[in-house]
Amino acid sequence: MRRVLWLGLLLPACASYTSATKQGLDAFQSRDFAAAEAVYQQGAEQDGKDQLVYLFDRGTVRYTAGQYEQSIQDFLLADKLSEIKNYTALGTELASIVTNDRITTYKGEEFEHVLTSVYLALNFAAMGRDEDAIVACRQVNRKLELLRDEGKRTYNLNAFAQYLAGILFERDRNWNFAYVDYKKTHQLEPNFSRIRADLIRGALKMDSSSDLHKWRKTLGVTEEEVREAKRELKETGGVVLLFQNGFAPEKTNSPHWHELPAYRPRYSRYRAAHLYLDGEKVARTEMLYDVEKVAMQNLDQKYATYIAKRVAGVVAREVIGHELDKQHQGLGTIVKLAMYAASQPDLRSWLTLPRNFQVARVQVPPGRYHATIRLEDNTGGESEERDLGDVEIKRVGDLEVVAYRSLND
């Protein structure tokens, strides 16, 4: 009887989070957002060890479906839980050393905590709540600065959040702050080609001849580019496309040691998006934040801790098995084997995250335009046209933002 009880306590959960929510992810990829949300509903509403990851995924589904207010509520709660659940009961933590990390409360990865604020910013921006969106953008980099300053990780600041704050300030015609964010974006992602024009226009708006000289010297800005920027400021407004592409990697067992987690990249059918206005191709997206790369770097930096915990688990199992065998011959061996069989890494993760965040921008004269996109596949070919609706630049200096999420469809 005791043997049965021991084995029952050691067996892992019947279904992993990935398998339990597969139907939701499948529905999301098929753009059946109502069906996807239904799968995540119960887990997101109930206090439990998996609630945080359910909120991550339901919040993403709701954002993609255009349910911005509901998505904001999910991510605000997720942001709160990320702090509240940043601890684990001692008994559960000790048990996970010898058995299964999946029995602990999911606290989220650090980069997931950061992206919670990114999605809050995207939701607020979609609703026209630019001040709230800017606050969320600032929170992204405050979180990253905290991680860096505490010496936990070697994170860089988030260029996508920085640029998003810049365009929101520009949309509010606050060029002073917009220019600051554009300069920070350039520092973080100097290969982002679009930022060149933004820096020139920013220097002109600030009437900073010293900055223009700096861009001429460091970026090789030409007089023709300066003339074009002056024309844009006098005659055009902006259209910005925020593009979320594909799916972030998922956690799986490491091929080197099954008790350790590893990230496995997921297939992404597309690599960029082309923005069309009234049927004319006007811009191509560029990547500003690579979720896949950040996730893998985050895990690599934590591997020493994971290995130490797993080694401690091996030692603990041997000690437990030896002590039980002294009391009940054979029981210790059975329990030890069960503990080895049950020992699994925590493979829970935010599965609806995109692989990366990209941006495109174009300056156009005031007017109403019909916006569409075509997605560029990995061979350079373009998909059929996807409709984004109408955008209107009512007056010079206006800025309109459109968004699209590729789901490999």
Protein backbone atom coordinates (compact mmCIF):
# COMPACT_ATOMS: atom_id res chain seq x y z
CA MET A 1 0.00 0.00 0.00
CA ARG A 2 2.81 2.39 0.89
CA ARG A 3 4.47 1.65 -2.42
CA VAL A 4 1.31 2.64 -4.29
CA LEU A 5 1.07 5.89 -2.33
CA TRP A 6 4.69 6.79 -3.04
CA LEU A 7 4.28 6.10 -6.76
CA GLY A 8 1.07 8.11 -6.91
CA LEU A 9 2.78 11.12 -5.39
CA LEU A 10 5.67 10.91 -7.81
CA LEU A 11 3.78 10.55 -11.07
CA PRO A 12 3.80 13.72 -13.20
CA ALA A 13 0.66 15.55 -14.23
CA CYS A 14 -1.47 13.73 -16.77
CA ALA A 15 -1.20 16.43 -19.43
CA SER A 16 1.35 19.15 -20.07
CA TYR A 17 0.24 22.73 -20.70
CA THR A 18 1.19 22.34 -24.37
CA SER A 19 -1.02 19.28 -24.90
CA ALA A 20 -3.84 20.67 -22.74
CA THR A 21 -4.06 23.82 -24.87
CA LYS A 22 -3.23 22.39 -28.31
CA GLN A 23 -6.77 22.93 -29.55
CA GLY A 24 -6.57 26.56 -28.52
CA LEU A 25 -3.31 27.11 -30.41
CA ASP A 26 -4.71 25.31 -33.47
CA ALA A 27 -7.82 27.51 -33.40
CA PHE A 28 -5.64 30.62 -33.01
CA GLN A 29 -3.58 29.65 -36.05
CA SER A 30 -6.83 29.19 -37.98
CA ARG A 31 -8.00 32.66 -36.82
CA ASP A 32 -10.95 31.11 -34.99
CA PHE A 33 -10.36 33.44 -32.07
CA ALA A 34 -13.60 32.63 -30.24
CA ALA A 35 -12.73 28.92 -30.16
CA ALA A 36 -9.16 29.70 -29.07
CA GLU A 37 -10.32 31.94 -26.26
CA ALA A 38 -12.71 29.25 -25.01
CA VAL A 39 -9.80 26.82 -24.54
CA TYR A 40 -7.86 29.30 -22.40
CA GLN A 41 -10.91 30.63 -20.53
CA GLN A 42 -11.07 28.39 -17.48
CA GLY A 43 -7.33 28.38 -16.80
CA ALA A 44 -7.12 32.17 -17.11
CA GLU A 45 -10.03 32.73 -14.71
CA GLN A 46 -9.03 30.30 -11.96
CA ASP A 47 -6.26 30.84 -9.45
CA GLY A 48 -3.84 27.98 -10.00
CA LYS A 49 -0.27 27.05 -10.83
CA ASP A 50 -0.82 27.63 -14.57
CA GLN A 51 -2.98 30.77 -14.44
CA LEU A 52 -0.22 33.13 -15.56
CA VAL A 53 0.57 31.29 -18.77
CA TYR A 54 -3.15 30.95 -19.58
CA LEU A 55 -3.45 34.73 -19.19
CA PHE A 56 -0.49 35.28 -21.50
CA ASP A 57 -2.07 33.21 -24.24
CA ARG A 58 -5.65 34.43 -23.81
CA GLY A 59 -4.42 38.04 -23.77
CA THR A 60 -2.59 37.51 -27.06
CA VAL A 61 -5.64 35.88 -28.66
CA ARG A 62 -7.82 38.77 -27.54
CA TYR A 63 -5.38 41.39 -28.82
CA THR A 64 -5.16 39.69 -32.22
CA ALA A 65 -8.96 39.49 -32.35
CA GLY A 66 -9.23 43.23 -31.70
CA GLN A 67 -10.67 42.79 -28.20
CA TYR A 68 -8.31 45.39 -26.80
CA GLU A 69 -10.07 46.22 -23.53
CA GLN A 70 -10.36 42.54 -22.56
CA SER A 71 -6.73 41.92 -23.57
CA ILE A 72 -5.61 44.83 -21.41
CA GLN A 73 -7.36 43.28 -18.41
CA ASP A 74 -5.56 39.96 -19.05
CA PHE A 75 -2.14 41.58 -19.30
CA LEU A 76 -2.67 43.86 -16.30
CA LEU A 77 -3.53 40.81 -14.21
CA ALA A 78 -0.60 38.88 -15.71
CA ASP A 79 1.72 41.77 -14.85
CA LYS A 80 0.47 41.68 -11.26
CA LEU A 81 0.74 37.89 -11.00
CA SER A 82 4.27 37.99 -12.40
CA GLU A 83 5.25 39.76 -9.20
CA ILE A 84 2.92 37.95 -6.77
CA LYS A 85 3.89 34.52 -8.06
CA ASN A 86 7.59 35.27 -7.98
CA TYR A 87 7.90 32.82 -5.12
CA THR A 88 7.09 29.18 -4.55
CA ALA A 89 6.05 27.30 -1.43
CA LEU A 90 9.14 25.73 0.11
CA GLY A 91 7.62 22.25 0.19
CA THR A 92 6.71 22.39 -3.50
CA GLU A 93 10.12 23.73 -4.46
CA LEU A 94 11.88 20.96 -2.56
CA ALA A 95 9.62 18.32 -4.10
CA SER A 96 10.40 19.63 -7.58
CA ILE A 97 14.11 19.02 -6.98
CA VAL A 98 13.59 15.28 -6.80
CA THR A 99 10.55 14.91 -9.05
CA ASN A 100 8.89 17.33 -11.43
CA ASP A 101 9.31 21.06 -12.06
CA ARG A 102 5.79 21.11 -13.46
CA ILE A 103 4.28 20.89 -9.97
CA THR A 104 5.48 24.40 -9.14
CA THR A 105 3.52 27.59 -9.80
CA TYR A 106 4.45 29.08 -13.17
CA LYS A 107 6.20 32.39 -12.60
CA GLY A 108 7.01 33.19 -16.22
CA GLU A 109 10.34 33.82 -17.88
CA GLU A 110 11.88 37.24 -17.45
CA PHE A 111 11.51 38.10 -21.13
CA GLU A 112 7.82 37.13 -20.88
CA HIS A 113 7.35 39.62 -18.04
CA VAL A 114 8.86 42.29 -20.29
CA LEU A 115 6.62 41.41 -23.24
CA THR A 116 3.56 41.74 -21.01
CA SER A 117 4.22 45.49 -21.06
CA VAL A 118 4.80 45.42 -24.83
CA TYR A 119 1.31 43.97 -25.33
CA LEU A 120 -0.18 46.51 -22.96
CA ALA A 121 1.42 49.24 -25.10
CA LEU A 122 0.08 47.70 -28.33
CA ASN A 123 -3.43 47.43 -26.89
CA PHE A 124 -3.44 51.00 -25.59
CA ALA A 125 -2.06 52.29 -28.91
CA ALA A 126 -4.77 50.44 -30.86
CA MET A 127 -7.40 52.16 -28.70
CA GLY A 128 -5.83 55.58 -29.21
CA ARG A 129 -4.78 55.77 -25.55
CA ASP A 130 -1.32 57.00 -26.46
CA GLU A 131 -0.34 58.29 -23.01
CA ASP A 132 -1.06 54.90 -21.45
CA ALA A 133 0.79 53.19 -24.30
CA ILE A 134 3.86 55.37 -23.74
CA VAL A 135 3.81 54.55 -20.01
CA ALA A 136 3.75 50.83 -20.92
CA CYS A 137 6.67 51.34 -23.34
CA ARG A 138 8.65 53.00 -20.59
CA GLN A 139 7.80 50.09 -18.28
CA VAL A 140 9.35 47.68 -20.81
CA ASN A 141 12.75 49.27 -20.55
CA ARG A 142 12.46 49.90 -16.80
CA LYS A 143 12.02 46.14 -16.35
CA LEU A 144 15.02 45.47 -18.57
CA GLU A 145 17.14 48.06 -16.76
CA LEU A 146 16.23 46.46 -13.44
CA LEU A 147 17.28 43.02 -14.65
CA ARG A 148 20.54 44.42 -15.97
CA ASP A 149 21.31 46.57 -12.93
CA GLU A 150 20.69 43.69 -10.54
CA GLY A 151 23.21 41.68 -12.52
CA LYS A 152 20.75 38.90 -13.24
CA ARG A 153 20.94 39.03 -17.02
CA THR A 154 22.70 40.83 -19.86
CA TYR A 155 19.54 42.09 -21.51
CA ASN A 156 19.62 44.97 -23.98
CA LEU A 157 16.79 47.47 -24.00
CA ASN A 158 13.89 46.85 -26.37
CA ALA A 159 14.22 48.78 -29.64
CA PHE A 160 10.65 47.98 -30.68
CA ALA A 161 9.20 49.53 -27.51
CA GLN A 162 11.52 52.51 -27.88
CA TYR A 163 10.41 53.12 -31.47
CA LEU A 164 6.75 52.61 -30.60
CA ALA A 165 7.05 55.31 -27.93
CA GLY A 166 8.66 57.58 -30.51
CA ILE A 167 5.88 57.24 -33.07
CA LEU A 168 3.24 57.74 -30.37
CA PHE A 169 4.93 60.95 -29.23
CA GLU A 170 5.12 62.05 -32.87
CA ARG A 171 1.44 61.17 -33.33
CA ASP A 172 0.78 63.54 -30.43
CA ARG A 173 3.02 66.11 -32.19
CA ASN A 174 5.48 66.04 -29.30
CA TRP A 175 8.65 66.05 -31.38
CA ASN A 176 10.92 66.80 -28.44
CA PHE A 177 10.25 63.42 -26.82
CA ALA A 178 9.78 61.62 -30.14
CA TYR A 179 13.26 62.62 -31.27
CA VAL A 180 14.76 61.38 -27.99
CA ASP A 181 13.17 57.95 -28.55
CA TYR A 182 14.28 57.83 -32.18
CA LYS A 183 17.87 58.51 -31.11
CA LYS A 184 17.64 55.75 -28.49
CA THR A 185 16.21 53.39 -31.11
CA HIS A 186 19.20 54.11 -33.34
CA GLN A 187 21.58 53.36 -30.46
CA LEU A 188 19.87 50.03 -29.80
CA GLU A 189 19.37 48.98 -33.44
CA PRO A 190 21.72 50.95 -35.73
CA ASN A 191 20.91 48.65 -38.66
CA PHE A 192 17.24 49.68 -38.67
CA SER A 193 17.31 51.66 -41.91
CA ARG A 194 14.03 53.56 -41.40
CA ILE A 195 15.41 55.38 -38.37
CA ARG A 196 17.75 57.37 -40.59
CA ALA A 197 14.90 59.47 -42.03
CA ASP A 198 13.32 59.86 -38.57
CA LEU A 199 16.59 61.21 -37.17
CA ILE A 200 16.93 63.76 -39.96
CA ARG A 201 13.34 64.97 -39.52
CA GLY A 202 13.84 65.07 -35.75
CA ALA A 203 16.96 67.21 -36.05
CA LEU A 204 15.10 69.57 -38.39
CA LYS A 205 12.10 69.83 -36.07
CA MET A 206 14.43 70.60 -33.15
CA ASP A 207 16.29 73.10 -35.37
CA SER A 208 19.51 71.40 -34.31
CA SER A 209 22.30 72.16 -36.80
CA SER A 210 24.74 70.33 -34.52
CA ASP A 211 22.67 67.16 -34.74
CA LEU A 212 22.38 67.44 -38.52
CA HIS A 213 26.16 67.79 -38.67
CA LYS A 214 26.43 64.71 -36.46
CA TRP A 215 24.20 62.64 -38.75
CA ARG A 216 26.09 63.85 -41.82
CA LYS A 217 29.35 62.77 -40.20
CA THR A 218 28.29 59.48 -38.57
CA LEU A 219 25.59 58.27 -40.97
CA GLY A 220 26.75 59.88 -44.20
CA VAL A 221 23.49 61.84 -44.56
CA THR A 222 23.42 63.76 -47.85
CA GLU A 223 22.01 67.18 -48.69
CA GLU A 224 19.44 65.47 -50.89
CA GLU A 225 18.20 63.49 -47.87
CA VAL A 226 17.92 66.69 -45.83
CA ARG A 227 15.91 68.36 -48.63
CA GLU A 228 13.62 65.33 -48.80
CA ALA A 229 13.09 65.39 -45.03
CA LYS A 230 12.18 69.09 -45.20
CA ARG A 231 9.66 68.33 -47.95
CA GLU A 232 8.14 65.49 -45.89
CA LEU A 233 7.72 67.77 -42.90
CA LYS A 234 5.93 70.37 -45.04
CA GLU A 235 3.81 68.06 -47.23
CA THR A 236 3.24 64.62 -45.69
CA GLY A 237 2.04 62.51 -42.81
CA GLY A 238 3.14 59.00 -41.81
CA VAL A 239 1.68 55.50 -42.02
CA VAL A 240 3.33 52.92 -39.75
CA LEU A 241 2.83 49.15 -39.95
CA LEU A 242 3.48 47.12 -36.79
CA PHE A 243 4.00 43.51 -37.86
CA GLN A 244 4.16 40.47 -35.57
CA ASN A 245 5.58 37.52 -37.44
CA GLY A 246 5.16 33.79 -36.86
CA PHE A 247 5.62 32.00 -33.54
CA ALA A 248 8.26 32.12 -30.82
CA PRO A 249 10.14 28.90 -29.98
CA GLU A 250 8.54 26.34 -27.67
CA LYS A 251 10.14 24.57 -24.76
CA THR A 252 11.04 20.91 -25.05
CA ASN A 253 13.31 18.41 -23.30
CA SER A 254 16.98 19.02 -23.97
CA PRO A 255 18.52 16.39 -26.26
CA HIS A 256 21.57 16.41 -23.99
CA TRP A 257 19.72 15.72 -20.71
CA HIS A 258 15.99 15.09 -20.65
CA GLU A 259 15.64 16.72 -17.23
CA LEU A 260 16.69 20.11 -18.65
CA PRO A 261 14.55 22.40 -20.87
CA ALA A 262 15.55 23.65 -24.29
CA TYR A 263 13.90 25.97 -26.79
CA ARG A 264 13.00 24.52 -30.18
CA PRO A 265 12.40 27.04 -32.99
CA ARG A 266 9.01 26.79 -34.64
CA TYR A 267 8.52 27.08 -38.37
CA SER A 268 7.79 30.57 -39.67
CA ARG A 269 6.38 30.67 -43.18
CA TYR A 270 7.15 34.36 -43.70
CA ARG A 271 10.08 36.67 -43.00
CA ALA A 272 8.66 40.15 -43.67
CA ALA A 273 5.61 42.08 -44.85
CA HIS A 274 5.14 44.59 -47.67
CA LEU A 275 2.79 47.51 -47.09
CA TYR A 276 0.62 48.63 -50.01
CA LEU A 277 -1.41 51.84 -50.19
CA ASP A 278 -4.06 51.99 -52.94
CA GLY A 279 -2.37 48.99 -54.57
CA GLU A 280 1.12 50.52 -54.63
CA LYS A 281 3.95 48.89 -52.70
CA VAL A 282 5.36 51.57 -50.40
CA ALA A 283 7.39 49.89 -47.64
CA ARG A 284 8.86 46.62 -46.36
CA THR A 285 9.05 45.71 -42.66
CA GLU A 286 12.30 45.37 -40.73
CA MET A 287 12.80 43.43 -37.51
CA LEU A 288 13.18 45.47 -34.32
CA TYR A 289 12.84 42.76 -31.65
CA ASP A 290 13.76 39.08 -32.03
CA VAL A 291 11.74 37.08 -29.48
CA GLU A 292 13.29 33.77 -30.57
CA LYS A 293 16.83 35.03 -30.00
CA VAL A 294 16.01 36.63 -26.65
CA ALA A 295 14.22 33.49 -25.38
CA MET A 296 17.20 31.29 -26.18
CA GLN A 297 19.68 33.72 -24.67
CA ASN A 298 17.56 33.95 -21.53
CA LEU A 299 17.55 30.17 -21.14
CA ASP A 300 21.29 29.89 -21.80
CA GLN A 301 22.00 32.34 -18.99
CA LYS A 302 19.97 30.22 -16.57
CA TYR A 303 21.52 26.86 -17.46
CA ALA A 304 24.03 26.83 -14.63
CA THR A 305 21.16 27.13 -12.14
CA TYR A 306 19.17 24.41 -13.88
CA ILE A 307 22.12 22.02 -13.89
CA ALA A 308 22.88 22.64 -10.22
CA LYS A 309 19.26 21.89 -9.32
CA ARG A 310 19.19 18.70 -11.37
CA VAL A 311 22.48 17.48 -9.87
CA ALA A 312 21.04 18.15 -6.41
CA GLY A 313 18.03 16.11 -7.47
CA VAL A 314 20.17 13.15 -8.46
CA VAL A 315 21.93 13.21 -5.10
CA ALA A 316 18.63 13.55 -3.21
CA ARG A 317 17.04 10.61 -5.04
CA GLU A 318 19.98 8.38 -4.24
CA VAL A 319 19.86 9.36 -0.56
CA ILE A 320 16.08 8.83 -0.33
CA GLY A 321 16.32 5.48 -2.09
CA HIS A 322 19.12 4.32 0.17
CA GLU A 323 17.26 5.31 3.37
CA LEU A 324 14.04 3.63 2.26
CA ASP A 325 15.88 0.44 1.35
CA LYS A 326 17.31 0.33 4.86
CA GLN A 327 13.76 0.35 6.26
CA HIS A 328 11.97 -1.68 3.56
CA GLN A 329 14.18 -3.75 1.32
CA GLY A 330 13.38 -3.02 -2.35
CA LEU A 331 11.06 -0.07 -1.71
CA GLY A 332 13.88 2.46 -2.00
CA THR A 333 14.90 1.15 -5.42
CA ILE A 334 11.31 1.31 -6.69
CA VAL A 335 10.79 4.83 -5.35
CA LYS A 336 14.13 6.00 -6.74
CA LEU A 337 13.31 4.66 -10.22
CA ALA A 338 9.89 6.32 -10.04
CA MET A 339 11.51 9.64 -9.12
CA TYR A 340 13.88 9.40 -12.08
CA ALA A 341 10.98 8.57 -14.40
CA ALA A 342 8.88 11.44 -13.04
CA SER A 343 11.63 14.05 -13.15
CA GLN A 344 10.74 16.52 -15.88
CA PRO A 345 11.71 20.12 -16.62
CA ASP A 346 9.13 22.89 -16.70
CA LEU A 347 8.07 23.13 -20.35
CA ARG A 348 5.34 25.71 -19.87
CA SER A 349 5.73 28.83 -22.02
CA TRP A 350 3.81 31.62 -23.76
CA LEU A 351 2.96 29.72 -26.94
CA THR A 352 1.05 32.45 -28.83
CA LEU A 353 4.00 34.86 -28.84
CA PRO A 354 5.31 35.91 -32.27
CA ARG A 355 8.78 35.03 -33.43
CA ASN A 356 9.64 38.71 -33.84
CA PHE A 357 8.26 42.25 -33.98
CA GLN A 358 8.80 44.27 -37.17
CA VAL A 359 8.05 47.80 -38.38
CA ALA A 360 7.56 49.58 -41.71
CA ARG A 361 6.86 53.25 -42.33
CA VAL A 362 6.09 55.54 -45.26
CA GLN A 363 5.43 59.28 -45.64
CA VAL A 364 2.45 60.22 -47.86
CA PRO A 365 0.47 63.38 -48.68
CA PRO A 366 -2.78 63.97 -46.78
CA GLY A 367 -5.67 61.85 -48.04
CA ARG A 368 -7.52 58.58 -47.59
CA TYR A 369 -5.72 55.37 -48.59
CA HIS A 370 -6.71 51.72 -48.69
CA ALA A 371 -4.03 49.70 -46.87
CA THR A 372 -3.16 46.10 -47.66
CA ILE A 373 -0.14 43.90 -47.08
CA ARG A 374 1.51 40.99 -48.81
CA LEU A 375 3.68 38.66 -46.75
CA GLU A 376 7.14 37.78 -48.01
CA ASP A 377 7.92 34.08 -47.68
CA ASN A 378 11.33 32.58 -47.04
CA THR A 379 12.10 32.35 -50.77
CA GLY A 380 11.25 36.00 -51.44
CA GLY A 381 7.82 35.37 -52.95
CA GLU A 382 4.76 37.32 -51.84
CA SER A 383 1.45 36.02 -50.53
CA GLU A 384 -2.01 37.05 -51.62
CA GLU A 385 -3.16 40.48 -50.50
CA ARG A 386 -4.41 40.92 -46.90
CA ASP A 387 -6.79 43.79 -46.18
CA LEU A 388 -5.99 46.32 -43.43
CA GLY A 389 -8.80 48.75 -44.17
CA ASP A 390 -8.62 52.49 -44.86
CA VAL A 391 -6.20 54.93 -43.28
CA GLU A 392 -6.62 58.69 -43.42
CA ILE A 393 -3.99 61.38 -43.16
CA LYS A 394 -6.17 64.40 -42.50
CA ARG A 395 -3.41 66.98 -42.37
CA VAL A 396 0.33 67.35 -42.68
CA GLY A 397 2.12 65.79 -39.70
CA ASP A 398 -0.59 63.24 -38.91
CA LEU A 399 0.53 59.69 -38.22
CA GLU A 400 -1.61 56.56 -38.55
CA VAL A 401 -0.70 53.13 -37.20
CA VAL A 402 -1.91 49.80 -38.59
CA ALA A 403 -1.05 46.33 -37.30
CA TYR A 404 -1.02 42.74 -38.54
CA ARG A 405 -0.11 39.35 -37.04
CA SER A 406 1.11 36.56 -39.28
CA LEU A 407 -0.04 33.12 -38.05
CA ASN A 408 1.69 31.15 -40.82
CA ASP A 409 -1.60 31.22 -42.76
